[in-house]
Amino acid sequence: MRALVLDGRLTLRNDIPMPQPMSDEALLRLRRAGVCNTDLELIAGYKGFSGTLGHEFVAEVIQGPEMWLGQRVVGEINVGDETCDFCRRGITSQCRHRQAIGIAGRDGAFADYMTLPTRNLYHVSATISDDAAVFVEPLAAALQVIEGVHIAPRDRVVVIGLGKLGMLVAQVLRLTGADVVGVVRHEKQAAMLERWHIPSAAIEDLPTQRAQVVVDCTGNAEGFNAALDLVEPRGTIVLKSTYAGIPPADLSRIAVNEIRVVGSRCGPLAAALRLLEAGLVDVEALIDARYPFELAEQALEHAAAPGMLKVLLDF
């Protein structure tokens, strides 16, 4: 089968053996997949990953328990061992021996076929298109912001880093009734926020130390430092960014201003599916390009271009 493999360099190979599902797994045939910033960070050296990339996907079950056969599904990307203390507490995302598809210890979705435990699968209703279903995992990650931090309707919330994830975070936060503003760097970002009735501003036009919550989706150290400028004393920074390197930051400001920093990663897929079914979040407007899977290497190059939003791979 074909697979986009990272092994020192990125290569689309067609000689990868078909994966064989274990007794608790299903064999999935990929329909569509999305390129995430994490994929680009892995290529740059984040986590030293080697294997098949990809974790945003929609697929069809072609082998496994009868109740799943023929179903269109998305999947929770974290695979726990079900025995450690975190798994016993239902916190699979922090399993002591966690694997994450296409990120850590397990091959991902940039391939014709993949396996995943059936406990990780979620049915996709007929009302959700393949294009929209690809966004379930990142939309769930956006929802994790309000899972980890209470956002009150009276709060001033600033979102910085309005790429693929930042745009989803801004839309999710809008649903809380909070005073949400997105930090924009170009007109395309401002226009997208305007269609969702979300105010935007250049970072230099925002007052310092006035936001109760700042969500950093930038993926760079400058973003975290900007968040430190914008958040008020005793406010909260939600960190959605991961880094290929170790960013410098003035941690003394966190202590002196008593700022709470909350790491935020994967979130509730079932809730993301409900938002898409209800039409409460616009995801398809974020699609900038699509490629057939045989052009996957070019697709990843395109996805790395400045200002690009979602690039899809069509199987």
C-alpha atoms as a PDB file:
ATOM      1  CA  MET A   1       0.000   0.000   0.000  1.00  0.00           C
ATOM      2  CA  ARG A   2       0.957   3.679  -0.230  1.00  0.00           C
ATOM      3  CA  ALA A   3       2.107   5.620   2.828  1.00  0.00           C
ATOM      4  CA  LEU A   4       3.766   8.988   3.426  1.00  0.00           C
ATOM      5  CA  VAL A   5       6.716   8.020   5.606  1.00  0.00           C
ATOM      6  CA  LEU A   6       9.041  10.242   7.626  1.00  0.00           C
ATOM      7  CA  ASP A   7      12.396   8.555   8.132  1.00  0.00           C
ATOM      8  CA  GLY A   8      14.990  11.280   8.086  1.00  0.00           C
ATOM      9  CA  ARG A   9      13.244  12.588   4.981  1.00  0.00           C
ATOM     10  CA  LEU A  10       9.651  12.600   3.785  1.00  0.00           C
ATOM     11  CA  THR A  11       8.859   9.986   1.110  1.00  0.00           C
ATOM     12  CA  LEU A  12       5.667   8.700  -0.438  1.00  0.00           C
ATOM     13  CA  ARG A  13       6.237   4.942  -0.650  1.00  0.00           C
ATOM     14  CA  ASN A  14       4.099   2.288  -2.341  1.00  0.00           C
ATOM     15  CA  ASP A  15       5.742  -0.800  -0.841  1.00  0.00           C
ATOM     16  CA  ILE A  16       4.420  -0.611   2.730  1.00  0.00           C
ATOM     17  CA  PRO A  17       2.821  -3.879   3.965  1.00  0.00           C
ATOM     18  CA  MET A  18      -0.894  -3.826   4.713  1.00  0.00           C
ATOM     19  CA  PRO A  19      -1.407  -3.411   8.499  1.00  0.00           C
ATOM     20  CA  GLN A  20      -2.957  -6.384  10.282  1.00  0.00           C
ATOM     21  CA  PRO A  21      -5.509  -5.499  12.974  1.00  0.00           C
ATOM     22  CA  MET A  22      -5.255  -7.095  16.416  1.00  0.00           C
ATOM     23  CA  SER A  23      -8.305  -8.630  18.088  1.00  0.00           C
ATOM     24  CA  ASP A  24      -9.453  -5.307  19.577  1.00  0.00           C
ATOM     25  CA  GLU A  25      -8.774  -3.277  16.415  1.00  0.00           C
ATOM     26  CA  ALA A  26     -10.465  -2.384  13.145  1.00  0.00           C
ATOM     27  CA  LEU A  27      -8.865  -2.044   9.724  1.00  0.00           C
ATOM     28  CA  LEU A  28      -9.680   1.326   8.204  1.00  0.00           C
ATOM     29  CA  ARG A  29      -9.592   2.405   4.564  1.00  0.00           C
ATOM     30  CA  LEU A  30      -8.789   6.105   4.445  1.00  0.00           C
ATOM     31  CA  ARG A  31     -11.163   8.462   2.636  1.00  0.00           C
ATOM     32  CA  ARG A  32      -9.678  11.864   3.431  1.00  0.00           C
ATOM     33  CA  ALA A  33      -7.000  13.335   5.689  1.00  0.00           C
ATOM     34  CA  GLY A  34      -5.871  16.803   6.737  1.00  0.00           C
ATOM     35  CA  VAL A  35      -2.425  18.298   7.195  1.00  0.00           C
ATOM     36  CA  CYS A  36      -1.863  19.744  10.668  1.00  0.00           C
ATOM     37  CA  ASN A  37       0.860  22.051  11.980  1.00  0.00           C
ATOM     38  CA  THR A  38       1.997  19.165  14.174  1.00  0.00           C
ATOM     39  CA  ASP A  39       2.800  17.190  10.999  1.00  0.00           C
ATOM     40  CA  LEU A  40       5.019  20.071   9.857  1.00  0.00           C
ATOM     41  CA  GLU A  41       6.682  20.267  13.288  1.00  0.00           C
ATOM     42  CA  LEU A  42       7.397  16.521  13.187  1.00  0.00           C
ATOM     43  CA  ILE A  43       9.091  16.983   9.815  1.00  0.00           C
ATOM     44  CA  ALA A  44      11.175  19.742  11.438  1.00  0.00           C
ATOM     45  CA  GLY A  45      12.296  17.325  14.157  1.00  0.00           C
ATOM     46  CA  TYR A  46       9.658  17.563  16.895  1.00  0.00           C
ATOM     47  CA  LYS A  47       9.674  14.372  19.023  1.00  0.00           C
ATOM     48  CA  GLY A  48      12.079  12.616  16.642  1.00  0.00           C
ATOM     49  CA  PHE A  49       9.181  10.716  15.084  1.00  0.00           C
ATOM     50  CA  SER A  50       9.827   8.054  12.445  1.00  0.00           C
ATOM     51  CA  GLY A  51       6.976   6.386  10.587  1.00  0.00           C
ATOM     52  CA  THR A  52       3.762   7.238   8.745  1.00  0.00           C
ATOM     53  CA  LEU A  53       2.479  10.746   9.494  1.00  0.00           C
ATOM     54  CA  GLY A  54      -1.114  11.957   9.824  1.00  0.00           C
ATOM     55  CA  HIS A  55      -3.767  12.080  12.550  1.00  0.00           C
ATOM     56  CA  GLU A  56      -6.695  14.088  11.115  1.00  0.00           C
ATOM     57  CA  PHE A  57      -8.823  11.746   9.033  1.00  0.00           C
ATOM     58  CA  VAL A  58     -12.110  10.159   8.085  1.00  0.00           C
ATOM     59  CA  ALA A  59     -12.138   6.503   7.051  1.00  0.00           C
ATOM     60  CA  GLU A  60     -14.324   3.473   6.388  1.00  0.00           C
ATOM     61  CA  VAL A  61     -14.149   0.317   8.501  1.00  0.00           C
ATOM     62  CA  ILE A  62     -13.461  -2.655   6.234  1.00  0.00           C
ATOM     63  CA  GLN A  63     -12.462  -5.281   8.829  1.00  0.00           C
ATOM     64  CA  GLY A  64     -13.410  -5.687  12.469  1.00  0.00           C
ATOM     65  CA  PRO A  65     -16.519  -6.241  14.611  1.00  0.00           C
ATOM     66  CA  GLU A  66     -19.704  -6.546  12.561  1.00  0.00           C
ATOM     67  CA  MET A  67     -21.286  -3.482  14.188  1.00  0.00           C
ATOM     68  CA  TRP A  68     -18.506  -1.322  12.714  1.00  0.00           C
ATOM     69  CA  LEU A  69     -18.243  -2.802   9.213  1.00  0.00           C
ATOM     70  CA  GLY A  70     -18.950  -0.268   6.483  1.00  0.00           C
ATOM     71  CA  GLN A  71     -19.194   2.578   8.982  1.00  0.00           C
ATOM     72  CA  ARG A  72     -17.649   5.958   8.242  1.00  0.00           C
ATOM     73  CA  VAL A  73     -15.540   6.881  11.264  1.00  0.00           C
ATOM     74  CA  VAL A  74     -13.107   9.305  12.835  1.00  0.00           C
ATOM     75  CA  GLY A  75     -10.803   8.327  15.662  1.00  0.00           C
ATOM     76  CA  GLU A  76      -9.333   9.451  18.953  1.00  0.00           C
ATOM     77  CA  ILE A  77      -5.604   9.686  18.234  1.00  0.00           C
ATOM     78  CA  ASN A  78      -4.327   8.650  21.677  1.00  0.00           C
ATOM     79  CA  VAL A  79      -4.032   4.916  22.232  1.00  0.00           C
ATOM     80  CA  GLY A  80      -3.632   3.992  25.893  1.00  0.00           C
ATOM     81  CA  ASP A  81      -2.566   0.676  27.395  1.00  0.00           C
ATOM     82  CA  GLU A  82      -5.778   0.525  29.518  1.00  0.00           C
ATOM     83  CA  THR A  83      -3.767  -0.619  32.540  1.00  0.00           C
ATOM     84  CA  CYS A  84      -1.834   2.394  33.854  1.00  0.00           C
ATOM     85  CA  ASP A  85      -3.136   4.715  36.580  1.00  0.00           C
ATOM     86  CA  PHE A  86      -4.166   7.410  34.082  1.00  0.00           C
ATOM     87  CA  CYS A  87      -6.092   4.955  31.903  1.00  0.00           C
ATOM     88  CA  ARG A  88      -7.869   3.559  34.956  1.00  0.00           C
ATOM     89  CA  ARG A  89      -8.944   7.146  35.738  1.00  0.00           C
ATOM     90  CA  GLY A  90     -10.196   7.615  32.160  1.00  0.00           C
ATOM     91  CA  ILE A  91      -7.390   9.995  31.155  1.00  0.00           C
ATOM     92  CA  THR A  92      -6.124   8.106  28.094  1.00  0.00           C
ATOM     93  CA  SER A  93      -4.402  11.182  26.675  1.00  0.00           C
ATOM     94  CA  GLN A  94      -1.857  10.985  29.495  1.00  0.00           C
ATOM     95  CA  CYS A  95      -1.358   7.195  29.495  1.00  0.00           C
ATOM     96  CA  ARG A  96       2.066   6.285  30.900  1.00  0.00           C
ATOM     97  CA  HIS A  97       2.721   4.253  27.742  1.00  0.00           C
ATOM     98  CA  ARG A  98       0.656   6.327  25.335  1.00  0.00           C
ATOM     99  CA  GLN A  99       0.895   5.977  21.590  1.00  0.00           C
ATOM    100  CA  ALA A 100      -0.458   8.695  19.301  1.00  0.00           C
ATOM    101  CA  ILE A 101      -1.194   7.890  15.681  1.00  0.00           C
ATOM    102  CA  GLY A 102       1.222   9.612  13.343  1.00  0.00           C
ATOM    103  CA  ILE A 103       2.908  11.384  16.265  1.00  0.00           C
ATOM    104  CA  ALA A 104       4.384   8.946  18.770  1.00  0.00           C
ATOM    105  CA  GLY A 105       4.902   5.215  18.518  1.00  0.00           C
ATOM    106  CA  ARG A 106       2.156   4.405  16.016  1.00  0.00           C
ATOM    107  CA  ASP A 107       1.774   4.830  12.261  1.00  0.00           C
ATOM    108  CA  GLY A 108      -0.730   7.420  11.172  1.00  0.00           C
ATOM    109  CA  ALA A 109      -3.385   8.274   8.619  1.00  0.00           C
ATOM    110  CA  PHE A 110      -1.337   9.355   5.591  1.00  0.00           C
ATOM    111  CA  ALA A 111      -1.686   5.875   4.132  1.00  0.00           C
ATOM    112  CA  ASP A 112      -4.238   3.858   2.210  1.00  0.00           C
ATOM    113  CA  TYR A 113      -5.029   1.768   5.311  1.00  0.00           C
ATOM    114  CA  MET A 114      -4.455   1.958   9.052  1.00  0.00           C
ATOM    115  CA  THR A 115      -5.552   0.149  12.202  1.00  0.00           C
ATOM    116  CA  LEU A 116      -7.061   1.603  15.350  1.00  0.00           C
ATOM    117  CA  PRO A 117      -8.676   0.067  18.439  1.00  0.00           C
ATOM    118  CA  THR A 118     -12.455   0.063  18.142  1.00  0.00           C
ATOM    119  CA  ARG A 119     -12.668   1.901  21.483  1.00  0.00           C
ATOM    120  CA  ASN A 120     -11.079   4.876  19.689  1.00  0.00           C
ATOM    121  CA  LEU A 121     -13.676   5.019  16.898  1.00  0.00           C
ATOM    122  CA  TYR A 122     -16.591   7.448  16.517  1.00  0.00           C
ATOM    123  CA  HIS A 123     -19.365   7.067  13.971  1.00  0.00           C
ATOM    124  CA  VAL A 124     -19.781   9.970  11.524  1.00  0.00           C
ATOM    125  CA  SER A 125     -23.397  10.723  10.630  1.00  0.00           C
ATOM    126  CA  ALA A 126     -24.531  11.123   7.027  1.00  0.00           C
ATOM    127  CA  THR A 127     -25.157  14.829   7.617  1.00  0.00           C
ATOM    128  CA  ILE A 128     -21.389  15.488   8.018  1.00  0.00           C
ATOM    129  CA  SER A 129     -19.337  15.579   4.810  1.00  0.00           C
ATOM    130  CA  ASP A 130     -15.926  13.928   4.472  1.00  0.00           C
ATOM    131  CA  ASP A 131     -14.363  17.382   4.280  1.00  0.00           C
ATOM    132  CA  ALA A 132     -15.983  18.444   7.563  1.00  0.00           C
ATOM    133  CA  ALA A 133     -15.241  15.120   9.271  1.00  0.00           C
ATOM    134  CA  VAL A 134     -11.489  15.704   8.797  1.00  0.00           C
ATOM    135  CA  PHE A 135     -11.844  18.632  11.218  1.00  0.00           C
ATOM    136  CA  VAL A 136     -13.301  16.578  14.088  1.00  0.00           C
ATOM    137  CA  GLU A 137      -9.941  16.031  15.802  1.00  0.00           C
ATOM    138  CA  PRO A 138      -8.739  19.679  15.645  1.00  0.00           C
ATOM    139  CA  LEU A 139     -12.222  20.936  16.575  1.00  0.00           C
ATOM    140  CA  ALA A 140     -12.105  18.657  19.614  1.00  0.00           C
ATOM    141  CA  ALA A 141      -8.715  20.190  20.460  1.00  0.00           C
ATOM    142  CA  ALA A 142     -10.338  23.630  20.273  1.00  0.00           C
ATOM    143  CA  LEU A 143     -13.095  22.475  22.626  1.00  0.00           C
ATOM    144  CA  GLN A 144     -10.453  21.358  25.113  1.00  0.00           C
ATOM    145  CA  VAL A 145      -9.780  25.055  25.841  1.00  0.00           C
ATOM    146  CA  ILE A 146     -13.164  25.392  27.562  1.00  0.00           C
ATOM    147  CA  GLU A 147     -12.758  21.941  29.100  1.00  0.00           C
ATOM    148  CA  GLY A 148      -9.611  23.097  30.889  1.00  0.00           C
ATOM    149  CA  VAL A 149     -10.481  26.729  31.674  1.00  0.00           C
ATOM    150  CA  HIS A 150     -13.769  28.267  32.734  1.00  0.00           C
ATOM    151  CA  ILE A 151     -14.618  31.053  30.294  1.00  0.00           C
ATOM    152  CA  ALA A 152     -17.242  33.427  31.712  1.00  0.00           C
ATOM    153  CA  PRO A 153     -19.487  35.508  29.420  1.00  0.00           C
ATOM    154  CA  ARG A 154     -17.998  38.662  30.973  1.00  0.00           C
ATOM    155  CA  ASP A 155     -14.392  37.647  30.187  1.00  0.00           C
ATOM    156  CA  ARG A 156     -12.168  39.368  27.635  1.00  0.00           C
ATOM    157  CA  VAL A 157     -10.471  36.574  25.650  1.00  0.00           C
ATOM    158  CA  VAL A 158      -7.729  37.097  23.065  1.00  0.00           C
ATOM    159  CA  VAL A 159      -6.747  34.413  20.550  1.00  0.00           C
ATOM    160  CA  ILE A 160      -3.310  34.726  18.963  1.00  0.00           C
ATOM    161  CA  GLY A 161      -2.104  32.522  16.127  1.00  0.00           C
ATOM    162  CA  LEU A 162      -5.087  32.492  13.764  1.00  0.00           C
ATOM    163  CA  GLY A 163      -4.095  29.536  11.674  1.00  0.00           C
ATOM    164  CA  LYS A 164      -6.131  26.370  11.305  1.00  0.00           C
ATOM    165  CA  LEU A 165      -6.502  25.657  15.018  1.00  0.00           C
ATOM    166  CA  GLY A 166      -6.749  29.294  16.078  1.00  0.00           C
ATOM    167  CA  MET A 167      -9.718  29.858  13.770  1.00  0.00           C
ATOM    168  CA  LEU A 168     -11.509  26.899  15.341  1.00  0.00           C
ATOM    169  CA  VAL A 169     -10.670  28.096  18.856  1.00  0.00           C
ATOM    170  CA  ALA A 170     -12.071  31.556  18.091  1.00  0.00           C
ATOM    171  CA  GLN A 171     -15.348  30.053  16.843  1.00  0.00           C
ATOM    172  CA  VAL A 172     -15.687  27.779  19.878  1.00  0.00           C
ATOM    173  CA  LEU A 173     -15.016  30.647  22.297  1.00  0.00           C
ATOM    174  CA  ARG A 174     -17.613  32.795  20.518  1.00  0.00           C
ATOM    175  CA  LEU A 175     -20.245  30.237  21.604  1.00  0.00           C
ATOM    176  CA  THR A 176     -19.529  31.017  25.292  1.00  0.00           C
ATOM    177  CA  GLY A 177     -20.727  34.617  24.944  1.00  0.00           C
ATOM    178  CA  ALA A 178     -17.337  35.939  26.051  1.00  0.00           C
ATOM    179  CA  ASP A 179     -15.813  39.099  24.553  1.00  0.00           C
ATOM    180  CA  VAL A 180     -13.532  37.324  22.053  1.00  0.00           C
ATOM    181  CA  VAL A 181     -11.039  39.100  19.797  1.00  0.00           C
ATOM    182  CA  GLY A 182      -8.649  37.500  17.315  1.00  0.00           C
ATOM    183  CA  VAL A 183      -5.196  38.917  16.655  1.00  0.00           C
ATOM    184  CA  VAL A 184      -4.806  39.235  12.881  1.00  0.00           C
ATOM    185  CA  ARG A 185      -1.750  39.789  10.742  1.00  0.00           C
ATOM    186  CA  HIS A 186      -3.381  40.108   7.320  1.00  0.00           C
ATOM    187  CA  GLU A 187      -6.719  40.868   5.669  1.00  0.00           C
ATOM    188  CA  LYS A 188      -7.610  37.245   4.937  1.00  0.00           C
ATOM    189  CA  GLN A 189      -7.733  36.482   8.669  1.00  0.00           C
ATOM    190  CA  ALA A 190      -9.791  39.582   9.429  1.00  0.00           C
ATOM    191  CA  ALA A 191     -12.281  38.747   6.656  1.00  0.00           C
ATOM    192  CA  MET A 192     -12.796  35.216   7.954  1.00  0.00           C
ATOM    193  CA  LEU A 193     -13.420  36.420  11.491  1.00  0.00           C
ATOM    194  CA  GLU A 194     -15.854  39.035  10.192  1.00  0.00           C
ATOM    195  CA  ARG A 195     -18.003  36.368   8.516  1.00  0.00           C
ATOM    196  CA  TRP A 196     -18.341  34.723  11.953  1.00  0.00           C
ATOM    197  CA  HIS A 197     -19.007  38.071  13.706  1.00  0.00           C
ATOM    198  CA  ILE A 198     -15.787  37.840  15.719  1.00  0.00           C
ATOM    199  CA  PRO A 199     -13.887  41.138  16.230  1.00  0.00           C
ATOM    200  CA  SER A 200     -10.269  41.313  15.110  1.00  0.00           C
ATOM    201  CA  ALA A 201      -7.326  43.602  15.845  1.00  0.00           C
ATOM    202  CA  ALA A 202      -3.634  43.974  15.134  1.00  0.00           C
ATOM    203  CA  ILE A 203      -1.597  43.078  18.182  1.00  0.00           C
ATOM    204  CA  GLU A 204      -0.152  46.600  18.508  1.00  0.00           C
ATOM    205  CA  ASP A 205      -3.689  47.988  18.811  1.00  0.00           C
ATOM    206  CA  LEU A 206      -4.597  45.862  21.837  1.00  0.00           C
ATOM    207  CA  PRO A 207      -4.051  47.165  25.377  1.00  0.00           C
ATOM    208  CA  THR A 208      -1.485  45.301  27.461  1.00  0.00           C
ATOM    209  CA  GLN A 209      -2.428  43.340  30.574  1.00  0.00           C
ATOM    210  CA  ARG A 210      -6.179  43.646  30.003  1.00  0.00           C
ATOM    211  CA  ALA A 211      -7.291  40.156  28.896  1.00  0.00           C
ATOM    212  CA  GLN A 212      -8.554  37.676  31.467  1.00  0.00           C
ATOM    213  CA  VAL A 213      -7.649  34.794  29.127  1.00  0.00           C
ATOM    214  CA  VAL A 214      -5.189  34.586  26.218  1.00  0.00           C
ATOM    215  CA  VAL A 215      -5.107  31.479  24.013  1.00  0.00           C
ATOM    216  CA  ASP A 216      -1.773  30.970  22.235  1.00  0.00           C
ATOM    217  CA  CYS A 217      -2.094  28.937  19.029  1.00  0.00           C
ATOM    218  CA  THR A 218       0.979  30.429  17.319  1.00  0.00           C
ATOM    219  CA  GLY A 219       3.408  27.544  17.685  1.00  0.00           C
ATOM    220  CA  ASN A 220       6.322  29.897  18.307  1.00  0.00           C
ATOM    221  CA  ALA A 221       8.066  31.510  21.264  1.00  0.00           C
ATOM    222  CA  GLU A 222       7.102  35.000  20.116  1.00  0.00           C
ATOM    223  CA  GLY A 223       3.464  34.026  20.562  1.00  0.00           C
ATOM    224  CA  PHE A 224       3.955  33.016  24.171  1.00  0.00           C
ATOM    225  CA  ASN A 225       5.783  36.258  24.915  1.00  0.00           C
ATOM    226  CA  ALA A 226       2.943  38.187  23.269  1.00  0.00           C
ATOM    227  CA  ALA A 227       0.482  36.315  25.489  1.00  0.00           C
ATOM    228  CA  LEU A 228       2.477  37.432  28.529  1.00  0.00           C
ATOM    229  CA  ASP A 229       2.081  41.036  27.346  1.00  0.00           C
ATOM    230  CA  LEU A 230      -1.677  40.763  26.808  1.00  0.00           C
ATOM    231  CA  VAL A 231      -2.851  38.805  29.857  1.00  0.00           C
ATOM    232  CA  GLU A 232      -3.728  40.676  33.019  1.00  0.00           C
ATOM    233  CA  PRO A 233      -2.153  39.857  36.404  1.00  0.00           C
ATOM    234  CA  ARG A 234      -3.740  36.681  37.773  1.00  0.00           C
ATOM    235  CA  GLY A 235      -5.094  35.960  34.298  1.00  0.00           C
ATOM    236  CA  THR A 236      -4.737  32.720  32.351  1.00  0.00           C
ATOM    237  CA  ILE A 237      -2.712  31.748  29.297  1.00  0.00           C
ATOM    238  CA  VAL A 238      -3.936  28.623  27.493  1.00  0.00           C
ATOM    239  CA  LEU A 239      -1.042  27.105  25.592  1.00  0.00           C
ATOM    240  CA  LYS A 240      -2.102  25.207  22.463  1.00  0.00           C
ATOM    241  CA  SER A 241       1.359  25.458  20.872  1.00  0.00           C
ATOM    242  CA  THR A 242       4.014  22.780  20.582  1.00  0.00           C
ATOM    243  CA  TYR A 243       7.560  23.510  19.475  1.00  0.00           C
ATOM    244  CA  ALA A 244      10.245  21.670  17.550  1.00  0.00           C
ATOM    245  CA  GLY A 245      12.855  23.434  19.725  1.00  0.00           C
ATOM    246  CA  ILE A 246      12.915  24.888  23.247  1.00  0.00           C
ATOM    247  CA  PRO A 247      11.603  28.462  23.214  1.00  0.00           C
ATOM    248  CA  PRO A 248      13.051  31.147  25.518  1.00  0.00           C
ATOM    249  CA  ALA A 249      10.515  32.871  27.772  1.00  0.00           C
ATOM    250  CA  ASP A 250      10.590  35.264  30.726  1.00  0.00           C
ATOM    251  CA  LEU A 251       9.177  32.921  33.360  1.00  0.00           C
ATOM    252  CA  SER A 252       9.708  35.545  36.072  1.00  0.00           C
ATOM    253  CA  ARG A 253       6.726  37.458  34.676  1.00  0.00           C
ATOM    254  CA  ILE A 254       4.552  34.410  35.322  1.00  0.00           C
ATOM    255  CA  ALA A 255       5.579  34.333  38.975  1.00  0.00           C
ATOM    256  CA  VAL A 256       5.471  38.107  39.591  1.00  0.00           C
ATOM    257  CA  ASN A 257       2.070  38.588  37.890  1.00  0.00           C
ATOM    258  CA  GLU A 258       0.722  35.295  39.257  1.00  0.00           C
ATOM    259  CA  ILE A 259      -0.311  34.123  35.803  1.00  0.00           C
ATOM    260  CA  ARG A 260      -1.809  30.681  35.355  1.00  0.00           C
ATOM    261  CA  VAL A 261      -0.502  28.734  32.337  1.00  0.00           C
ATOM    262  CA  VAL A 262      -2.684  25.834  31.220  1.00  0.00           C
ATOM    263  CA  GLY A 263      -1.460  23.297  28.690  1.00  0.00           C
ATOM    264  CA  SER A 264      -4.202  22.103  26.349  1.00  0.00           C
ATOM    265  CA  ARG A 265      -4.045  19.316  23.794  1.00  0.00           C
ATOM    266  CA  CYS A 266      -6.622  16.780  22.612  1.00  0.00           C
ATOM    267  CA  GLY A 267     -10.316  17.110  23.359  1.00  0.00           C
ATOM    268  CA  PRO A 268     -13.791  15.498  23.199  1.00  0.00           C
ATOM    269  CA  LEU A 269     -14.538  14.091  19.731  1.00  0.00           C
ATOM    270  CA  ALA A 270     -18.187  13.356  20.510  1.00  0.00           C
ATOM    271  CA  ALA A 271     -18.779  17.032  21.314  1.00  0.00           C
ATOM    272  CA  ALA A 272     -16.992  18.104  18.114  1.00  0.00           C
ATOM    273  CA  LEU A 273     -19.261  15.824  16.088  1.00  0.00           C
ATOM    274  CA  ARG A 274     -22.323  17.368  17.765  1.00  0.00           C
ATOM    275  CA  LEU A 275     -21.153  20.901  16.878  1.00  0.00           C
ATOM    276  CA  LEU A 276     -20.686  19.890  13.242  1.00  0.00           C
ATOM    277  CA  GLU A 277     -24.093  18.180  13.090  1.00  0.00           C
ATOM    278  CA  ALA A 278     -25.717  21.315  14.511  1.00  0.00           C
ATOM    279  CA  GLY A 279     -23.860  23.581  12.077  1.00  0.00           C
ATOM    280  CA  LEU A 280     -22.487  25.723  14.920  1.00  0.00           C
ATOM    281  CA  VAL A 281     -18.907  25.850  13.633  1.00  0.00           C
ATOM    282  CA  ASP A 282     -17.791  26.622  10.071  1.00  0.00           C
ATOM    283  CA  VAL A 283     -14.907  24.334   9.135  1.00  0.00           C
ATOM    284  CA  GLU A 284     -15.071  24.003   5.359  1.00  0.00           C
ATOM    285  CA  ALA A 285     -14.214  27.702   4.927  1.00  0.00           C
ATOM    286  CA  LEU A 286     -10.768  26.804   6.303  1.00  0.00           C
ATOM    287  CA  ILE A 287      -9.904  24.533   3.353  1.00  0.00           C
ATOM    288  CA  ASP A 288      -7.290  26.236   1.192  1.00  0.00           C
ATOM    289  CA  ALA A 289      -6.221  23.351  -1.051  1.00  0.00           C
ATOM    290  CA  ARG A 290      -6.743  19.663  -1.748  1.00  0.00           C
ATOM    291  CA  TYR A 291      -4.492  17.104  -3.388  1.00  0.00           C
ATOM    292  CA  PRO A 292      -4.874  13.503  -4.513  1.00  0.00           C
ATOM    293  CA  PHE A 293      -2.836  11.277  -2.223  1.00  0.00           C
ATOM    294  CA  GLU A 294      -0.334  10.480  -4.973  1.00  0.00           C
ATOM    295  CA  LEU A 295       0.763  14.139  -4.686  1.00  0.00           C
ATOM    296  CA  ALA A 296       1.113  14.014  -0.901  1.00  0.00           C
ATOM    297  CA  GLU A 297       4.704  15.277  -0.847  1.00  0.00           C
ATOM    298  CA  GLN A 298       3.701  18.402  -2.787  1.00  0.00           C
ATOM    299  CA  ALA A 299       0.699  18.820  -0.483  1.00  0.00           C
ATOM    300  CA  LEU A 300       2.938  18.950   2.598  1.00  0.00           C
ATOM    301  CA  GLU A 301       5.169  21.522   0.911  1.00  0.00           C
ATOM    302  CA  HIS A 302       2.111  23.635   0.077  1.00  0.00           C
ATOM    303  CA  ALA A 303       0.802  23.311   3.641  1.00  0.00           C
ATOM    304  CA  ALA A 304       4.057  24.807   4.969  1.00  0.00           C
ATOM    305  CA  ALA A 305       3.658  28.017   2.933  1.00  0.00           C
ATOM    306  CA  PRO A 306       2.997  31.175   5.005  1.00  0.00           C
ATOM    307  CA  GLY A 307      -0.674  31.904   5.584  1.00  0.00           C
ATOM    308  CA  MET A 308      -1.935  28.501   4.424  1.00  0.00           C
ATOM    309  CA  LEU A 309      -4.887  27.043   6.230  1.00  0.00           C
ATOM    310  CA  LYS A 310      -6.105  23.460   5.788  1.00  0.00           C
ATOM    311  CA  VAL A 311      -4.704  21.256   3.039  1.00  0.00           C
ATOM    312  CA  LEU A 312      -6.593  18.009   2.429  1.00  0.00           C
ATOM    313  CA  LEU A 313      -5.400  14.696   1.010  1.00  0.00           C
ATOM    314  CA  ASP A 314      -8.040  12.819  -0.973  1.00  0.00           C
ATOM    315  CA  PHE A 315      -7.748   9.040  -1.202  1.00  0.00           C
END
